[in-house]
Amino acid sequence: MIGKKNVVFGFLYLVLTAALGIVMVNMYEDFGTAMQEKQASVGRLQQLKQNNFEEELEPLNAGQIATANTDGILSLNKLRNTELAIDSIKGGAHAHGNLEALLNIAAGLALCFIAAARWLKQLISWLFILGTLLHSGMLYLGRVFNMAWADSLLGYGVGPGMILAALLLTGMAAAIGFRGEIIKDS
């Protein structure tokens, strides 16, 4: 059964990409710390503004006000950077990886019910696997492990193109050769 490798790959890859949920949960500790820092520094700025930039009944000089502003800006930036790190994993490797893992499982099962030339089914099978690795796999390496070469390779669109080609070929093969029973590939 040619689709078997896609089913096995899909489940194993799903474990890998679903595990990113744990990575993101651990990152929320940094997010909480950044949020507290932002609340403290921006809260101080709000209080200063309400008090005409006086603190403990003493007016602040320009340097003190600039320092308070800088603290607020830097805390907002730190919070945003922490959010971006989480969102790049959540919307990239985690979401696409889970989807492509399930797509491999579905494609593998569908290939078991399609009567088509062995080479065509092998082509479809490998296009799904390689497309997944060259799309969400590169997202995983680029976003989680900060490997810039993976982001560069992702920019060429090879992985998504392979997945789209596999979907098209699967649709065409299913239109011609889908059967209601498992097909023994010879």
Protein backbone atom coordinates (compact mmCIF):
# COMPACT_ATOMS: atom_id res chain seq x y z
CA MET A 1 0.00 0.00 0.00
CA ILE A 2 1.68 3.11 -1.29
CA GLY A 3 -0.23 5.49 0.99
CA LYS A 4 1.03 3.75 4.13
CA LYS A 5 4.18 5.86 4.30
CA ASN A 6 2.06 9.03 4.23
CA VAL A 7 -0.12 7.79 7.09
CA VAL A 8 2.92 6.84 9.20
CA PHE A 9 4.74 10.07 8.32
CA GLY A 10 1.60 12.10 9.03
CA PHE A 11 1.13 10.72 12.54
CA LEU A 12 4.82 11.07 13.44
CA TYR A 13 4.98 14.59 12.02
CA LEU A 14 1.79 15.50 13.89
CA VAL A 15 3.49 14.56 17.16
CA LEU A 16 6.42 16.80 16.28
CA THR A 17 4.33 19.83 15.28
CA ALA A 18 1.77 19.39 18.05
CA ALA A 19 4.65 19.43 20.54
CA LEU A 20 5.18 23.07 19.56
CA GLY A 21 2.18 23.76 21.78
CA ILE A 22 4.37 22.93 24.76
CA VAL A 23 7.10 25.23 23.45
CA MET A 24 4.57 28.06 23.12
CA VAL A 25 3.20 27.47 26.63
CA ASN A 26 6.73 27.79 28.00
CA MET A 27 7.14 31.04 26.07
CA TYR A 28 4.09 32.50 27.81
CA GLU A 29 6.11 32.73 31.02
CA ASP A 30 8.32 35.32 29.26
CA PHE A 31 5.15 36.95 27.94
CA GLY A 32 3.77 37.29 31.47
CA THR A 33 6.99 38.87 32.69
CA ALA A 34 7.03 41.29 29.74
CA MET A 35 3.38 42.18 30.38
CA GLN A 36 4.13 42.98 34.04
CA GLU A 37 7.08 45.18 33.04
CA LYS A 38 4.90 46.99 30.50
CA GLN A 39 2.12 47.53 33.06
CA ALA A 40 4.58 48.98 35.57
CA SER A 41 6.36 51.36 33.19
CA VAL A 42 3.30 52.49 31.23
CA GLY A 43 1.29 52.76 34.44
CA ARG A 44 3.98 55.06 35.82
CA LEU A 45 3.77 57.20 32.67
CA GLN A 46 -0.02 57.44 33.00
CA GLN A 47 0.33 58.45 36.63
CA LEU A 48 2.96 61.05 35.77
CA LYS A 49 0.73 62.55 33.09
CA GLN A 50 -2.23 62.77 35.47
CA ASN A 51 0.00 64.51 38.03
CA ASN A 52 1.45 67.05 35.55
CA PHE A 53 4.74 65.13 35.55
CA GLU A 54 5.23 65.44 39.27
CA GLU A 55 6.23 62.54 41.45
CA GLU A 56 5.92 62.72 45.24
CA LEU A 57 4.96 66.41 44.81
CA GLU A 58 8.29 67.14 43.05
CA PRO A 59 8.31 68.17 39.36
CA LEU A 60 10.37 65.90 37.10
CA ASN A 61 13.06 67.39 34.92
CA ALA A 62 13.30 66.63 31.19
CA GLY A 63 15.83 63.84 31.73
CA GLN A 64 13.61 62.05 34.22
CA ILE A 65 10.61 62.33 31.92
CA ALA A 66 12.69 61.05 28.99
CA THR A 67 13.87 58.11 31.10
CA ALA A 68 10.28 57.24 32.04
CA ASN A 69 9.25 57.46 28.38
CA THR A 70 12.18 55.29 27.32
CA ASP A 71 11.28 52.67 29.94
CA GLY A 72 7.71 52.63 28.62
CA ILE A 73 8.76 52.34 24.99
CA LEU A 74 11.28 49.59 25.72
CA SER A 75 8.77 47.61 27.76
CA LEU A 76 6.20 47.86 24.93
CA ASN A 77 8.85 46.70 22.46
CA LYS A 78 9.83 43.76 24.66
CA LEU A 79 6.19 42.73 24.97
CA ARG A 80 5.68 42.98 21.19
CA ASN A 81 8.82 40.96 20.47
CA THR A 82 7.68 38.25 22.87
CA GLU A 83 4.26 38.16 21.17
CA LEU A 84 5.85 37.98 17.72
CA ALA A 85 7.97 34.99 18.71
CA ILE A 86 4.90 33.11 19.94
CA ASP A 87 2.75 34.15 16.97
CA SER A 88 5.39 33.16 14.41
CA ILE A 89 5.37 29.62 15.81
CA LYS A 90 1.60 29.47 16.32
CA GLY A 91 0.67 30.77 12.87
CA GLY A 92 3.55 29.11 11.07
CA ALA A 93 5.11 25.82 12.01
CA HIS A 94 2.43 24.77 14.50
CA ALA A 95 -0.67 25.47 12.40
CA HIS A 96 0.76 24.55 9.00
CA GLY A 97 2.59 21.54 10.38
CA ASN A 98 -0.54 20.13 12.01
CA LEU A 99 -2.56 20.75 8.86
CA GLU A 100 0.03 19.16 6.58
CA ALA A 101 0.42 16.18 8.89
CA LEU A 102 -3.33 15.57 8.71
CA LEU A 103 -3.22 16.14 4.95
CA ASN A 104 -0.60 13.40 4.63
CA ILE A 105 -2.77 11.03 6.67
CA ALA A 106 -5.82 11.79 4.51
CA ALA A 107 -3.84 11.53 1.27
CA GLY A 108 -2.29 8.25 2.37
CA LEU A 109 -5.70 6.80 3.11
CA ALA A 110 -7.12 8.11 -0.17
CA LEU A 111 -4.24 6.57 -2.13
CA CYS A 112 -5.24 3.18 -0.73
CA PHE A 113 -8.59 3.51 -2.54
CA ILE A 114 -7.31 4.87 -5.88
CA ALA A 115 -6.57 2.56 -8.78
CA ALA A 116 -3.82 4.30 -10.73
CA ALA A 117 -0.38 3.58 -12.11
CA ARG A 118 2.10 2.72 -9.38
CA TRP A 119 4.51 5.48 -10.47
CA LEU A 120 1.72 8.08 -10.27
CA LYS A 121 0.73 7.02 -6.76
CA GLN A 122 4.40 7.05 -5.69
CA LEU A 123 4.80 10.52 -7.19
CA ILE A 124 1.73 11.80 -5.34
CA SER A 125 2.89 10.18 -2.10
CA TRP A 126 6.37 11.68 -2.24
CA LEU A 127 5.10 15.09 -3.34
CA PHE A 128 3.00 15.26 -0.17
CA ILE A 129 5.87 14.21 2.10
CA LEU A 130 8.54 16.38 0.48
CA GLY A 131 6.14 19.32 0.15
CA THR A 132 5.38 19.11 3.86
CA LEU A 133 9.05 19.02 4.78
CA LEU A 134 9.88 21.90 2.44
CA HIS A 135 6.99 24.01 3.73
CA SER A 136 6.10 23.53 7.39
CA GLY A 137 9.40 21.75 8.02
CA MET A 138 11.26 24.87 6.92
CA LEU A 139 8.90 27.00 9.03
CA TYR A 140 9.79 24.77 11.98
CA LEU A 141 13.53 25.14 11.43
CA GLY A 142 13.31 28.86 10.68
CA ARG A 143 10.93 29.95 13.44
CA VAL A 144 11.75 27.53 16.24
CA PHE A 145 15.48 27.03 15.72
CA ASN A 146 16.23 30.40 14.03
CA MET A 147 17.90 28.80 11.00
CA ALA A 148 17.91 31.60 8.44
CA TRP A 149 18.75 29.24 5.55
CA ALA A 150 15.40 27.49 6.10
CA ASP A 151 13.54 30.79 5.78
CA SER A 152 15.48 31.51 2.59
CA LEU A 153 14.57 28.13 1.14
CA LEU A 154 10.95 28.64 2.16
CA GLY A 155 10.91 31.86 0.16
CA TYR A 156 11.19 29.93 -3.10
CA GLY A 157 7.77 28.33 -2.54
CA VAL A 158 8.90 24.84 -3.54
CA GLY A 159 7.11 23.09 -0.65
CA PRO A 160 3.71 24.73 -1.15
CA GLY A 161 4.03 24.15 -4.90
CA MET A 162 4.67 20.44 -4.32
CA ILE A 163 1.65 20.16 -2.03
CA LEU A 164 -0.58 21.93 -4.55
CA ALA A 165 0.70 19.64 -7.33
CA ALA A 166 0.03 16.60 -5.13
CA LEU A 167 -3.51 17.81 -4.39
CA LEU A 168 -4.19 18.36 -8.09
CA LEU A 169 -2.79 14.95 -9.07
CA THR A 170 -4.72 13.25 -6.26
CA GLY A 171 -7.93 14.89 -7.41
CA MET A 172 -7.35 13.83 -11.01
CA ALA A 173 -6.39 10.28 -9.99
CA ALA A 174 -9.42 10.02 -7.71
CA ALA A 175 -11.75 11.26 -10.45
CA ILE A 176 -10.57 8.44 -12.70
CA GLY A 177 -9.65 5.61 -10.38
CA PHE A 178 -11.35 5.97 -6.98
CA ARG A 179 -12.80 2.65 -5.80
CA GLY A 180 -14.86 1.80 -2.74
CA GLU A 181 -12.35 -0.81 -1.61
CA ILE A 182 -8.67 -0.97 -0.81
CA ILE A 183 -6.54 -1.41 -3.91
CA LYS A 184 -3.59 -3.83 -3.85
CA ASP A 185 -0.67 -2.15 -5.57
CA SER A 186 1.41 -4.50 -7.66
